[in-house]
Amino acid sequence: MRKIFLIVLVVVLSAVGIFLYWRYFYVFGEGVKSGHLNYVVLKGDIFKTYEGKLIQEGIRSRTAGSIQSYEFEFSVVNKSIAEKLMANSGKWFDLHYREFHNVVPWRGNTTYIVDSILSMRETR
């Protein structure tokens, strides 16, 4: 009986571990976003994280009769990348990001994590 309990316990713990990894740490997607860097700030009550917003070209309408620009909200884990972004707000950036299924508090407030700057130039 004890051997069956241990096998079931190992299977259940493994399933929970795989689920948690997939839900919070598995990279769901990767890509590049380009646009004008609006801001990057350090904020948070317990976990201080770098959060930013990139304004992309083009317009869209969320509701009938309104017009708004494309916005890409992201988090940055690497302090040196965040500081470079903060020092160059308003410039045009090509940012590489990774997308996760859910957020974890110490990683940021969004599912999009910018992990590198591909290029930076003055606004067009």
PDB file of N, CA and C in Angstrom:
ATOM      1  N   MET A   1       0.823  -1.198   0.000  1.00  0.00           N
ATOM      2  CA  MET A   1       0.000   0.000   0.000  1.00  0.00           C
ATOM      3  C   MET A   1       0.873   1.270   0.000  1.00  0.00           C
ATOM      4  N   ARG A   2       1.944   1.246   0.767  1.00  0.00           N
ATOM      5  CA  ARG A   2       2.832   2.399   0.855  1.00  0.00           C
ATOM      6  C   ARG A   2       3.496   2.677  -0.492  1.00  0.00           C
ATOM      7  N   LYS A   3       3.861   1.650  -1.225  1.00  0.00           N
ATOM      8  CA  LYS A   3       4.507   1.803  -2.526  1.00  0.00           C
ATOM      9  C   LYS A   3       3.552   2.455  -3.528  1.00  0.00           C
ATOM     10  N   ILE A   4       2.291   2.063  -3.507  1.00  0.00           N
ATOM     11  CA  ILE A   4       1.284   2.661  -4.398  1.00  0.00           C
ATOM     12  C   ILE A   4       1.087   4.137  -4.053  1.00  0.00           C
ATOM     13  N   PHE A   5       1.028   4.450  -2.757  1.00  0.00           N
ATOM     14  CA  PHE A   5       0.888   5.842  -2.324  1.00  0.00           C
ATOM     15  C   PHE A   5       2.057   6.691  -2.823  1.00  0.00           C
ATOM     16  N   LEU A   6       3.283   6.186  -2.700  1.00  0.00           N
ATOM     17  CA  LEU A   6       4.457   6.927  -3.162  1.00  0.00           C
ATOM     18  C   LEU A   6       4.433   7.137  -4.676  1.00  0.00           C
ATOM     19  N   ILE A   7       4.013   6.116  -5.422  1.00  0.00           N
ATOM     20  CA  ILE A   7       3.927   6.251  -6.880  1.00  0.00           C
ATOM     21  C   ILE A   7       2.897   7.303  -7.261  1.00  0.00           C
ATOM     22  N   VAL A   8       1.732   7.256  -6.611  1.00  0.00           N
ATOM     23  CA  VAL A   8       0.679   8.247  -6.888  1.00  0.00           C
ATOM     24  C   VAL A   8       1.160   9.641  -6.502  1.00  0.00           C
ATOM     25  N   LEU A   9       1.841   9.764  -5.375  1.00  0.00           N
ATOM     26  CA  LEU A   9       2.356  11.061  -4.934  1.00  0.00           C
ATOM     27  C   LEU A   9       3.362  11.622  -5.928  1.00  0.00           C
ATOM     28  N   VAL A  10       4.273  10.793  -6.415  1.00  0.00           N
ATOM     29  CA  VAL A  10       5.270  11.234  -7.396  1.00  0.00           C
ATOM     30  C   VAL A  10       4.585  11.657  -8.696  1.00  0.00           C
ATOM     31  N   VAL A  11       3.595  10.921  -9.149  1.00  0.00           N
ATOM     32  CA  VAL A  11       2.881  11.261 -10.376  1.00  0.00           C
ATOM     33  C   VAL A  11       2.130  12.580 -10.213  1.00  0.00           C
ATOM     34  N   VAL A  12       1.451  12.755  -9.084  1.00  0.00           N
ATOM     35  CA  VAL A  12       0.695  13.990  -8.849  1.00  0.00           C
ATOM     36  C   VAL A  12       1.640  15.188  -8.752  1.00  0.00           C
ATOM     37  N   LEU A  13       2.730  15.053  -7.996  1.00  0.00           N
ATOM     38  CA  LEU A  13       3.687  16.162  -7.877  1.00  0.00           C
ATOM     39  C   LEU A  13       4.337  16.488  -9.213  1.00  0.00           C
ATOM     40  N   SER A  14       4.637  15.479 -10.006  1.00  0.00           N
ATOM     41  CA  SER A  14       5.206  15.714 -11.338  1.00  0.00           C
ATOM     42  C   SER A  14       4.214  16.445 -12.226  1.00  0.00           C
ATOM     43  N   ALA A  15       2.950  16.040 -12.188  1.00  0.00           N
ATOM     44  CA  ALA A  15       1.921  16.696 -13.001  1.00  0.00           C
ATOM     45  C   ALA A  15       1.745  18.154 -12.586  1.00  0.00           C
ATOM     46  N   VAL A  16       1.724  18.405 -11.290  1.00  0.00           N
ATOM     47  CA  VAL A  16       1.596  19.785 -10.806  1.00  0.00           C
ATOM     48  C   VAL A  16       2.814  20.605 -11.223  1.00  0.00           C
ATOM     49  N   GLY A  17       4.009  20.036 -11.101  1.00  0.00           N
ATOM     50  CA  GLY A  17       5.224  20.738 -11.508  1.00  0.00           C
ATOM     51  C   GLY A  17       5.236  21.071 -12.990  1.00  0.00           C
ATOM     52  N   ILE A  18       4.830  20.115 -13.822  1.00  0.00           N
ATOM     53  CA  ILE A  18       4.770  20.357 -15.274  1.00  0.00           C
ATOM     54  C   ILE A  18       3.742  21.428 -15.589  1.00  0.00           C
ATOM     55  N   PHE A  19       2.581  21.372 -14.933  1.00  0.00           N
ATOM     56  CA  PHE A  19       1.543  22.380 -15.167  1.00  0.00           C
ATOM     57  C   PHE A  19       2.030  23.772 -14.770  1.00  0.00           C
ATOM     58  N   LEU A  20       2.649  23.895 -13.602  1.00  0.00           N
ATOM     59  CA  LEU A  20       3.140  25.204 -13.160  1.00  0.00           C
ATOM     60  C   LEU A  20       4.223  25.736 -14.083  1.00  0.00           C
ATOM     61  N   TYR A  21       5.115  24.864 -14.531  1.00  0.00           N
ATOM     62  CA  TYR A  21       6.141  25.291 -15.479  1.00  0.00           C
ATOM     63  C   TYR A  21       5.490  25.792 -16.763  1.00  0.00           C
ATOM     64  N   TRP A  22       4.571  25.049 -17.309  1.00  0.00           N
ATOM     65  CA  TRP A  22       3.913  25.436 -18.561  1.00  0.00           C
ATOM     66  C   TRP A  22       3.133  26.733 -18.384  1.00  0.00           C
ATOM     67  N   ARG A  23       2.478  26.908 -17.265  1.00  0.00           N
ATOM     68  CA  ARG A  23       1.622  28.068 -17.045  1.00  0.00           C
ATOM     69  C   ARG A  23       2.413  29.356 -16.794  1.00  0.00           C
ATOM     70  N   TYR A  24       3.574  29.267 -16.131  1.00  0.00           N
ATOM     71  CA  TYR A  24       4.273  30.479 -15.706  1.00  0.00           C
ATOM     72  C   TYR A  24       5.678  30.662 -16.283  1.00  0.00           C
ATOM     73  N   PHE A  25       6.335  29.612 -16.763  1.00  0.00           N
ATOM     74  CA  PHE A  25       7.723  29.746 -17.172  1.00  0.00           C
ATOM     75  C   PHE A  25       8.007  29.286 -18.603  1.00  0.00           C
ATOM     76  N   TYR A  26       7.078  28.630 -19.247  1.00  0.00           N
ATOM     77  CA  TYR A  26       7.248  28.177 -20.625  1.00  0.00           C
ATOM     78  C   TYR A  26       7.098  29.363 -21.571  1.00  0.00           C
ATOM     79  N   VAL A  27       8.047  29.544 -22.488  1.00  0.00           N
ATOM     80  CA  VAL A  27       7.985  30.648 -23.448  1.00  0.00           C
ATOM     81  C   VAL A  27       6.973  30.274 -24.529  1.00  0.00           C
ATOM     82  N   PHE A  28       5.848  30.956 -24.503  1.00  0.00           N
ATOM     83  CA  PHE A  28       4.736  30.699 -25.408  1.00  0.00           C
ATOM     84  C   PHE A  28       5.013  31.244 -26.807  1.00  0.00           C
ATOM     85  N   GLY A  29       5.671  32.391 -26.876  1.00  0.00           N
ATOM     86  CA  GLY A  29       5.960  33.009 -28.169  1.00  0.00           C
ATOM     87  C   GLY A  29       7.124  33.979 -28.063  1.00  0.00           C
ATOM     88  N   GLU A  30       7.717  34.265 -29.218  1.00  0.00           N
ATOM     89  CA  GLU A  30       8.805  35.240 -29.308  1.00  0.00           C
ATOM     90  C   GLU A  30       8.558  36.124 -30.511  1.00  0.00           C
ATOM     91  N   GLY A  31       9.062  37.337 -30.465  1.00  0.00           N
ATOM     92  CA  GLY A  31       8.890  38.213 -31.599  1.00  0.00           C
ATOM     93  C   GLY A  31       9.620  39.523 -31.437  1.00  0.00           C
ATOM     94  N   VAL A  32       9.366  40.420 -32.376  1.00  0.00           N
ATOM     95  CA  VAL A  32       9.976  41.745 -32.382  1.00  0.00           C
ATOM     96  C   VAL A  32       8.862  42.771 -32.555  1.00  0.00           C
ATOM     97  N   LYS A  33       8.896  43.805 -31.749  1.00  0.00           N
ATOM     98  CA  LYS A  33       7.971  44.931 -31.880  1.00  0.00           C
ATOM     99  C   LYS A  33       8.796  46.182 -32.117  1.00  0.00           C
ATOM    100  N   SER A  34       8.289  47.047 -32.989  1.00  0.00           N
ATOM    101  CA  SER A  34       8.971  48.296 -33.316  1.00  0.00           C
ATOM    102  C   SER A  34       8.051  49.467 -33.047  1.00  0.00           C
ATOM    103  N   GLY A  35       8.630  50.553 -32.572  1.00  0.00           N
ATOM    104  CA  GLY A  35       7.836  51.753 -32.344  1.00  0.00           C
ATOM    105  C   GLY A  35       8.588  52.770 -31.510  1.00  0.00           C
ATOM    106  N   HIS A  36       7.872  53.840 -31.167  1.00  0.00           N
ATOM    107  CA  HIS A  36       8.424  54.913 -30.345  1.00  0.00           C
ATOM    108  C   HIS A  36       8.274  54.518 -28.884  1.00  0.00           C
ATOM    109  N   LEU A  37       9.366  54.604 -28.160  1.00  0.00           N
ATOM    110  CA  LEU A  37       9.320  54.278 -26.737  1.00  0.00           C
ATOM    111  C   LEU A  37       8.640  55.416 -26.000  1.00  0.00           C
ATOM    112  N   ASN A  38       7.530  55.126 -25.376  1.00  0.00           N
ATOM    113  CA  ASN A  38       6.799  56.131 -24.620  1.00  0.00           C
ATOM    114  C   ASN A  38       7.427  56.306 -23.241  1.00  0.00           C
ATOM    115  N   TYR A  39       7.575  55.209 -22.496  1.00  0.00           N
ATOM    116  CA  TYR A  39       8.194  55.292 -21.183  1.00  0.00           C
ATOM    117  C   TYR A  39       8.639  53.923 -20.692  1.00  0.00           C
ATOM    118  N   VAL A  40       9.557  53.940 -19.729  1.00  0.00           N
ATOM    119  CA  VAL A  40       9.928  52.775 -18.933  1.00  0.00           C
ATOM    120  C   VAL A  40      10.071  53.281 -17.505  1.00  0.00           C
ATOM    121  N   VAL A  41       9.402  52.615 -16.565  1.00  0.00           N
ATOM    122  CA  VAL A  41       9.423  53.031 -15.163  1.00  0.00           C
ATOM    123  C   VAL A  41       9.689  51.829 -14.270  1.00  0.00           C
ATOM    124  N   LEU A  42      10.248  52.115 -13.111  1.00  0.00           N
ATOM    125  CA  LEU A  42      10.432  51.108 -12.080  1.00  0.00           C
ATOM    126  C   LEU A  42       9.299  51.295 -11.085  1.00  0.00           C
ATOM    127  N   LYS A  43       8.473  50.253 -10.901  1.00  0.00           N
ATOM    128  CA  LYS A  43       7.352  50.405  -9.981  1.00  0.00           C
ATOM    129  C   LYS A  43       6.998  49.076  -9.339  1.00  0.00           C
ATOM    130  N   GLY A  44       6.241  49.164  -8.267  1.00  0.00           N
ATOM    131  CA  GLY A  44       5.777  47.982  -7.562  1.00  0.00           C
ATOM    132  C   GLY A  44       5.807  48.195  -6.064  1.00  0.00           C
ATOM    133  N   ASP A  45       4.892  47.537  -5.363  1.00  0.00           N
ATOM    134  CA  ASP A  45       4.832  47.649  -3.910  1.00  0.00           C
ATOM    135  C   ASP A  45       5.828  46.714  -3.237  1.00  0.00           C
ATOM    136  N   ILE A  46       5.802  45.456  -3.597  1.00  0.00           N
ATOM    137  CA  ILE A  46       6.707  44.473  -2.996  1.00  0.00           C
ATOM    138  C   ILE A  46       7.839  44.137  -3.963  1.00  0.00           C
ATOM    139  N   PHE A  47       7.486  43.768  -5.178  1.00  0.00           N
ATOM    140  CA  PHE A  47       8.466  43.446  -6.209  1.00  0.00           C
ATOM    141  C   PHE A  47       8.591  44.628  -7.152  1.00  0.00           C
ATOM    142  N   LYS A  48       9.733  45.294  -7.156  1.00  0.00           N
ATOM    143  CA  LYS A  48       9.980  46.414  -8.065  1.00  0.00           C
ATOM    144  C   LYS A  48      10.342  45.849  -9.432  1.00  0.00           C
ATOM    145  N   THR A  49       9.544  46.198 -10.441  1.00  0.00           N
ATOM    146  CA  THR A  49       9.789  45.715 -11.797  1.00  0.00           C
ATOM    147  C   THR A  49       9.787  46.889 -12.764  1.00  0.00           C
ATOM    148  N   TYR A  50      10.477  46.709 -13.888  1.00  0.00           N
ATOM    149  CA  TYR A  50      10.522  47.728 -14.930  1.00  0.00           C
ATOM    150  C   TYR A  50       9.376  47.471 -15.907  1.00  0.00           C
ATOM    151  N   GLU A  51       8.542  48.482 -16.093  1.00  0.00           N
ATOM    152  CA  GLU A  51       7.388  48.383 -16.981  1.00  0.00           C
ATOM    153  C   GLU A  51       7.493  49.483 -18.032  1.00  0.00           C
ATOM    154  N   GLY A  52       7.122  49.163 -19.269  1.00  0.00           N
ATOM    155  CA  GLY A  52       7.232  50.143 -20.333  1.00  0.00           C
ATOM    156  C   GLY A  52       6.115  50.062 -21.343  1.00  0.00           C
ATOM    157  N   LYS A  53       6.094  51.076 -22.208  1.00  0.00           N
ATOM    158  CA  LYS A  53       5.089  51.134 -23.260  1.00  0.00           C
ATOM    159  C   LYS A  53       5.735  51.626 -24.546  1.00  0.00           C
ATOM    160  N   LEU A  54       5.442  50.926 -25.633  1.00  0.00           N
ATOM    161  CA  LEU A  54       5.930  51.254 -26.965  1.00  0.00           C
ATOM    162  C   LEU A  54       4.715  51.638 -27.806  1.00  0.00           C
ATOM    163  N   ILE A  55       4.775  52.797 -28.471  1.00  0.00           N
ATOM    164  CA  ILE A  55       3.694  53.243 -29.345  1.00  0.00           C
ATOM    165  C   ILE A  55       4.068  52.851 -30.769  1.00  0.00           C
ATOM    166  N   GLN A  56       3.237  52.012 -31.390  1.00  0.00           N
ATOM    167  CA  GLN A  56       3.515  51.523 -32.733  1.00  0.00           C
ATOM    168  C   GLN A  56       2.777  52.355 -33.773  1.00  0.00           C
ATOM    169  N   GLU A  57       3.266  52.296 -35.019  1.00  0.00           N
ATOM    170  CA  GLU A  57       2.623  53.033 -36.100  1.00  0.00           C
ATOM    171  C   GLU A  57       1.281  52.401 -36.434  1.00  0.00           C
ATOM    172  N   GLY A  58       0.380  53.205 -36.933  1.00  0.00           N
ATOM    173  CA  GLY A  58      -0.940  52.725 -37.319  1.00  0.00           C
ATOM    174  C   GLY A  58      -1.965  53.108 -36.273  1.00  0.00           C
ATOM    175  N   ILE A  59      -3.208  52.937 -36.650  1.00  0.00           N
ATOM    176  CA  ILE A  59      -4.299  53.235 -35.726  1.00  0.00           C
ATOM    177  C   ILE A  59      -5.274  52.077 -35.726  1.00  0.00           C
ATOM    178  N   ARG A  60      -6.017  51.967 -34.649  1.00  0.00           N
ATOM    179  CA  ARG A  60      -7.053  50.951 -34.551  1.00  0.00           C
ATOM    180  C   ARG A  60      -8.216  51.512 -33.766  1.00  0.00           C
ATOM    181  N   SER A  61      -9.306  50.817 -33.827  1.00  0.00           N
ATOM    182  CA  SER A  61     -10.496  51.256 -33.122  1.00  0.00           C
ATOM    183  C   SER A  61     -10.984  50.129 -32.227  1.00  0.00           C
ATOM    184  N   ARG A  62     -10.935  50.358 -30.917  1.00  0.00           N
ATOM    185  CA  ARG A  62     -11.458  49.355 -29.979  1.00  0.00           C
ATOM    186  C   ARG A  62     -12.974  49.402 -29.936  1.00  0.00           C
ATOM    187  N   THR A  63     -13.530  50.583 -30.030  1.00  0.00           N
ATOM    188  CA  THR A  63     -14.980  50.743 -30.061  1.00  0.00           C
ATOM    189  C   THR A  63     -15.343  51.584 -31.267  1.00  0.00           C
ATOM    190  N   ALA A  64     -16.558  51.432 -31.710  1.00  0.00           N
ATOM    191  CA  ALA A  64     -17.020  52.174 -32.886  1.00  0.00           C
ATOM    192  C   ALA A  64     -16.923  53.674 -32.637  1.00  0.00           C
ATOM    193  N   GLY A  65     -16.350  54.385 -33.604  1.00  0.00           N
ATOM    194  CA  GLY A  65     -16.274  55.830 -33.531  1.00  0.00           C
ATOM    195  C   GLY A  65     -15.059  56.379 -32.800  1.00  0.00           C
ATOM    196  N   SER A  66     -14.160  55.518 -32.334  1.00  0.00           N
ATOM    197  CA  SER A  66     -12.964  56.010 -31.653  1.00  0.00           C
ATOM    198  C   SER A  66     -11.717  55.530 -32.390  1.00  0.00           C
ATOM    199  N   ILE A  67     -10.677  56.312 -32.287  1.00  0.00           N
ATOM    200  CA  ILE A  67      -9.410  55.981 -32.933  1.00  0.00           C
ATOM    201  C   ILE A  67      -8.324  56.021 -31.868  1.00  0.00           C
ATOM    202  N   GLN A  68      -7.440  55.032 -31.930  1.00  0.00           N
ATOM    203  CA  GLN A  68      -6.354  54.987 -30.957  1.00  0.00           C
ATOM    204  C   GLN A  68      -5.157  54.286 -31.576  1.00  0.00           C
ATOM    205  N   SER A  69      -3.966  54.603 -31.085  1.00  0.00           N
ATOM    206  CA  SER A  69      -2.753  53.999 -31.645  1.00  0.00           C
ATOM    207  C   SER A  69      -2.523  52.616 -31.037  1.00  0.00           C
ATOM    208  N   TYR A  70      -1.706  51.824 -31.712  1.00  0.00           N
ATOM    209  CA  TYR A  70      -1.302  50.528 -31.185  1.00  0.00           C
ATOM    210  C   TYR A  70      -0.311  50.746 -30.054  1.00  0.00           C
ATOM    211  N   GLU A  71      -0.536  50.111 -28.950  1.00  0.00           N
ATOM    212  CA  GLU A  71       0.366  50.228 -27.810  1.00  0.00           C
ATOM    213  C   GLU A  71       0.829  48.842 -27.407  1.00  0.00           C
ATOM    214  N   PHE A  72       2.114  48.712 -27.134  1.00  0.00           N
ATOM    215  CA  PHE A  72       2.696  47.455 -26.683  1.00  0.00           C
ATOM    216  C   PHE A  72       3.229  47.682 -25.282  1.00  0.00           C
ATOM    217  N   GLU A  73       2.558  47.104 -24.292  1.00  0.00           N
ATOM    218  CA  GLU A  73       3.003  47.215 -22.910  1.00  0.00           C
ATOM    219  C   GLU A  73       3.848  45.999 -22.572  1.00  0.00           C
ATOM    220  N   PHE A  74       4.973  46.240 -21.909  1.00  0.00           N
ATOM    221  CA  PHE A  74       5.926  45.169 -21.665  1.00  0.00           C
ATOM    222  C   PHE A  74       6.618  45.347 -20.319  1.00  0.00           C
ATOM    223  N   SER A  75       7.298  44.304 -19.889  1.00  0.00           N
ATOM    224  CA  SER A  75       8.133  44.328 -18.690  1.00  0.00           C
ATOM    225  C   SER A  75       9.571  44.045 -19.109  1.00  0.00           C
ATOM    226  N   VAL A  76      10.521  44.511 -18.296  1.00  0.00           N
ATOM    227  CA  VAL A  76      11.943  44.273 -18.552  1.00  0.00           C
ATOM    228  C   VAL A  76      12.545  43.680 -17.280  1.00  0.00           C
ATOM    229  N   VAL A  77      13.229  42.558 -17.410  1.00  0.00           N
ATOM    230  CA  VAL A  77      13.862  41.906 -16.259  1.00  0.00           C
ATOM    231  C   VAL A  77      15.295  42.387 -16.082  1.00  0.00           C
ATOM    232  N   ASN A  78      15.992  42.621 -17.183  1.00  0.00           N
ATOM    233  CA  ASN A  78      17.399  43.004 -17.159  1.00  0.00           C
ATOM    234  C   ASN A  78      17.541  44.497 -16.847  1.00  0.00           C
ATOM    235  N   LYS A  79      18.226  44.827 -15.757  1.00  0.00           N
ATOM    236  CA  LYS A  79      18.369  46.217 -15.323  1.00  0.00           C
ATOM    237  C   LYS A  79      19.108  47.070 -16.338  1.00  0.00           C
ATOM    238  N   SER A  80      20.155  46.543 -16.973  1.00  0.00           N
ATOM    239  CA  SER A  80      20.933  47.344 -17.929  1.00  0.00           C
ATOM    240  C   SER A  80      20.097  47.677 -19.169  1.00  0.00           C
ATOM    241  N   ILE A  81      19.261  46.750 -19.617  1.00  0.00           N
ATOM    242  CA  ILE A  81      18.370  47.033 -20.750  1.00  0.00           C
ATOM    243  C   ILE A  81      17.362  48.099 -20.348  1.00  0.00           C
ATOM    244  N   ALA A  82      16.790  47.978 -19.153  1.00  0.00           N
ATOM    245  CA  ALA A  82      15.807  48.957 -18.680  1.00  0.00           C
ATOM    246  C   ALA A  82      16.427  50.350 -18.565  1.00  0.00           C
ATOM    247  N   GLU A  83      17.639  50.436 -18.054  1.00  0.00           N
ATOM    248  CA  GLU A  83      18.293  51.744 -17.919  1.00  0.00           C
ATOM    249  C   GLU A  83      18.585  52.361 -19.278  1.00  0.00           C
ATOM    250  N   LYS A  84      18.977  51.542 -20.257  1.00  0.00           N
ATOM    251  CA  LYS A  84      19.217  52.059 -21.606  1.00  0.00           C
ATOM    252  C   LYS A  84      17.916  52.571 -22.217  1.00  0.00           C
ATOM    253  N   LEU A  85      16.828  51.846 -22.000  1.00  0.00           N
ATOM    254  CA  LEU A  85      15.525  52.297 -22.504  1.00  0.00           C
ATOM    255  C   LEU A  85      15.097  53.588 -21.818  1.00  0.00           C
ATOM    256  N   MET A  86      15.275  53.677 -20.500  1.00  0.00           N
ATOM    257  CA  MET A  86      14.871  54.881 -19.767  1.00  0.00           C
ATOM    258  C   MET A  86      15.664  56.100 -20.226  1.00  0.00           C
ATOM    259  N   ALA A  87      16.915  55.906 -20.568  1.00  0.00           N
ATOM    260  CA  ALA A  87      17.761  57.033 -20.987  1.00  0.00           C
ATOM    261  C   ALA A  87      17.451  57.499 -22.403  1.00  0.00           C
ATOM    262  N   ASN A  88      16.695  56.718 -23.160  1.00  0.00           N
ATOM    263  CA  ASN A  88      16.439  57.051 -24.563  1.00  0.00           C
ATOM    264  C   ASN A  88      14.952  57.074 -24.888  1.00  0.00           C
ATOM    265  N   SER A  89      14.140  57.484 -23.963  1.00  0.00           N
ATOM    266  CA  SER A  89      12.705  57.571 -24.180  1.00  0.00           C
ATOM    267  C   SER A  89      12.405  58.517 -25.345  1.00  0.00           C
ATOM    268  N   GLY A  90      11.452  58.147 -26.169  1.00  0.00           N
ATOM    269  CA  GLY A  90      11.072  58.965 -27.317  1.00  0.00           C
ATOM    270  C   GLY A  90      11.741  58.534 -28.606  1.00  0.00           C
ATOM    271  N   LYS A  91      12.729  57.671 -28.529  1.00  0.00           N
ATOM    272  CA  LYS A  91      13.401  57.191 -29.737  1.00  0.00           C
ATOM    273  C   LYS A  91      12.669  55.977 -30.300  1.00  0.00           C
ATOM    274  N   TRP A  92      13.043  55.604 -31.516  1.00  0.00           N
ATOM    275  CA  TRP A  92      12.458  54.450 -32.206  1.00  0.00           C
ATOM    276  C   TRP A  92      13.262  53.207 -31.839  1.00  0.00           C
ATOM    277  N   PHE A  93      12.595  52.172 -31.379  1.00  0.00           N
ATOM    278  CA  PHE A  93      13.258  50.944 -30.962  1.00  0.00           C
ATOM    279  C   PHE A  93      12.683  49.742 -31.692  1.00  0.00           C
ATOM    280  N   ASP A  94      13.527  48.753 -31.924  1.00  0.00           N
ATOM    281  CA  ASP A  94      13.124  47.407 -32.312  1.00  0.00           C
ATOM    282  C   ASP A  94      13.471  46.528 -31.117  1.00  0.00           C
ATOM    283  N   LEU A  95      12.448  46.007 -30.439  1.00  0.00           N
ATOM    284  CA  LEU A  95      12.644  45.252 -29.212  1.00  0.00           C
ATOM    285  C   LEU A  95      12.274  43.786 -29.414  1.00  0.00           C
ATOM    286  N   HIS A  96      13.147  42.896 -28.980  1.00  0.00           N
ATOM    287  CA  HIS A  96      12.847  41.461 -29.001  1.00  0.00           C
ATOM    288  C   HIS A  96      12.188  41.108 -27.671  1.00  0.00           C
ATOM    289  N   TYR A  97      11.118  40.322 -27.734  1.00  0.00           N
ATOM    290  CA  TYR A  97      10.395  39.966 -26.521  1.00  0.00           C
ATOM    291  C   TYR A  97      10.058  38.481 -26.498  1.00  0.00           C
ATOM    292  N   ARG A  98       9.796  37.994 -25.302  1.00  0.00           N
ATOM    293  CA  ARG A  98       9.286  36.643 -25.082  1.00  0.00           C
ATOM    294  C   ARG A  98       7.919  36.767 -24.427  1.00  0.00           C
ATOM    295  N   GLU A  99       7.001  35.904 -24.828  1.00  0.00           N
ATOM    296  CA  GLU A  99       5.649  35.937 -24.271  1.00  0.00           C
ATOM    297  C   GLU A  99       5.402  34.679 -23.445  1.00  0.00           C
ATOM    298  N   PHE A 100       4.851  34.870 -22.259  1.00  0.00           N
ATOM    299  CA  PHE A 100       4.515  33.776 -21.365  1.00  0.00           C
ATOM    300  C   PHE A 100       3.000  33.688 -21.232  1.00  0.00           C
ATOM    301  N   HIS A 101       2.496  32.563 -20.743  1.00  0.00           N
ATOM    302  CA  HIS A 101       1.052  32.395 -20.556  1.00  0.00           C
ATOM    303  C   HIS A 101       0.511  33.299 -19.443  1.00  0.00           C
ATOM    304  N   ASN A 102       1.217  33.377 -18.324  1.00  0.00           N
ATOM    305  CA  ASN A 102       0.776  34.181 -17.176  1.00  0.00           C
ATOM    306  C   ASN A 102       1.954  34.939 -16.589  1.00  0.00           C
ATOM    307  N   VAL A 103       1.653  35.877 -15.705  1.00  0.00           N
ATOM    308  CA  VAL A 103       2.691  36.677 -15.059  1.00  0.00           C
ATOM    309  C   VAL A 103       3.065  36.066 -13.713  1.00  0.00           C
ATOM    310  N   VAL A 104       4.295  36.317 -13.302  1.00  0.00           N
ATOM    311  CA  VAL A 104       4.729  36.067 -11.931  1.00  0.00           C
ATOM    312  C   VAL A 104       5.187  37.411 -11.382  1.00  0.00           C
ATOM    313  N   PRO A 105       4.895  37.713 -10.127  1.00  0.00           N
ATOM    314  CA  PRO A 105       5.107  39.069  -9.597  1.00  0.00           C
ATOM    315  C   PRO A 105       6.529  39.590  -9.718  1.00  0.00           C
ATOM    316  N   TRP A 106       7.544  38.756  -9.570  1.00  0.00           N
ATOM    317  CA  TRP A 106       8.925  39.226  -9.604  1.00  0.00           C
ATOM    318  C   TRP A 106       9.445  39.412 -11.023  1.00  0.00           C
ATOM    319  N   ARG A 107       8.670  38.979 -12.027  1.00  0.00           N
ATOM    320  CA  ARG A 107       9.107  39.121 -13.419  1.00  0.00           C
ATOM    321  C   ARG A 107       8.490  40.353 -14.081  1.00  0.00           C
ATOM    322  N   GLY A 108       7.358  40.819 -13.575  1.00  0.00           N
ATOM    323  CA  GLY A 108       6.731  41.997 -14.151  1.00  0.00           C
ATOM    324  C   GLY A 108       5.215  41.902 -14.148  1.00  0.00           C
ATOM    325  N   ASN A 109       4.578  42.967 -14.625  1.00  0.00           N
ATOM    326  CA  ASN A 109       3.120  43.039 -14.629  1.00  0.00           C
ATOM    327  C   ASN A 109       2.496  42.570 -15.932  1.00  0.00           C
ATOM    328  N   THR A 110       3.293  42.234 -16.923  1.00  0.00           N
ATOM    329  CA  THR A 110       2.746  41.810 -18.212  1.00  0.00           C
ATOM    330  C   THR A 110       3.293  40.441 -18.593  1.00  0.00           C
ATOM    331  N   THR A 111       2.666  39.836 -19.582  1.00  0.00           N
ATOM    332  CA  THR A 111       3.133  38.542 -20.079  1.00  0.00           C
ATOM    333  C   THR A 111       4.239  38.716 -21.114  1.00  0.00           C
ATOM    334  N   TYR A 112       4.507  39.953 -21.539  1.00  0.00           N
ATOM    335  CA  TYR A 112       5.548  40.233 -22.527  1.00  0.00           C
ATOM    336  C   TYR A 112       6.807  40.724 -21.813  1.00  0.00           C
ATOM    337  N   ILE A 113       7.923  40.016 -21.998  1.00  0.00           N
ATOM    338  CA  ILE A 113       9.181  40.370 -21.356  1.00  0.00           C
ATOM    339  C   ILE A 113      10.191  40.722 -22.445  1.00  0.00           C
ATOM    340  N   VAL A 114      10.625  41.984 -22.465  1.00  0.00           N
ATOM    341  CA  VAL A 114      11.644  42.418 -23.427  1.00  0.00           C
ATOM    342  C   VAL A 114      12.994  41.923 -22.922  1.00  0.00           C
ATOM    343  N   ASP A 115      13.700  41.181 -23.792  1.00  0.00           N
ATOM    344  CA  ASP A 115      14.982  40.615 -23.384  1.00  0.00           C
ATOM    345  C   ASP A 115      16.168  41.168 -24.166  1.00  0.00           C
ATOM    346  N   SER A 116      15.914  41.961 -25.211  1.00  0.00           N
ATOM    347  CA  SER A 116      17.035  42.582 -25.925  1.00  0.00           C
ATOM    348  C   SER A 116      16.551  43.743 -26.788  1.00  0.00           C
ATOM    349  N   ILE A 117      17.491  44.641 -27.052  1.00  0.00           N
ATOM    350  CA  ILE A 117      17.250  45.765 -27.958  1.00  0.00           C
ATOM    351  C   ILE A 117      17.956  45.433 -29.258  1.00  0.00           C
ATOM    352  N   LEU A 118      17.182  45.304 -30.346  1.00  0.00           N
ATOM    353  CA  LEU A 118      17.786  44.973 -31.636  1.00  0.00           C
ATOM    354  C   LEU A 118      18.357  46.209 -32.311  1.00  0.00           C
ATOM    355  N   SER A 119      17.624  47.324 -32.237  1.00  0.00           N
ATOM    356  CA  SER A 119      18.135  48.566 -32.799  1.00  0.00           C
ATOM    357  C   SER A 119      17.454  49.753 -32.137  1.00  0.00           C
ATOM    358  N   MET A 120      18.140  50.894 -32.215  1.00  0.00           N
ATOM    359  CA  MET A 120      17.632  52.129 -31.650  1.00  0.00           C
ATOM    360  C   MET A 120      18.039  53.252 -32.596  1.00  0.00           C
ATOM    361  N   ARG A 121      17.112  54.148 -32.901  1.00  0.00           N
ATOM    362  CA  ARG A 121      17.437  55.277 -33.768  1.00  0.00           C
ATOM    363  C   ARG A 121      16.532  56.466 -33.415  1.00  0.00           C
ATOM    364  N   GLU A 122      16.907  57.604 -33.906  1.00  0.00           N
ATOM    365  CA  GLU A 122      16.081  58.803 -33.708  1.00  0.00           C
ATOM    366  C   GLU A 122      14.742  58.604 -34.387  1.00  0.00           C
ATOM    367  N   THR A 123      13.742  59.339 -33.951  1.00  0.00           N
ATOM    368  CA  THR A 123      12.411  59.202 -34.534  1.00  0.00           C
ATOM    369  C   THR A 123      12.437  59.616 -36.000  1.00  0.00           C
ATOM    370  N   ARG A 124      11.523  59.050 -36.728  1.00  0.00           N
ATOM    371  CA  ARG A 124      11.469  59.308 -38.167  1.00  0.00           C
ATOM    372  C   ARG A 124      10.917  60.648 -38.497  1.00  0.00           C
TER     373      ARG A 124
END
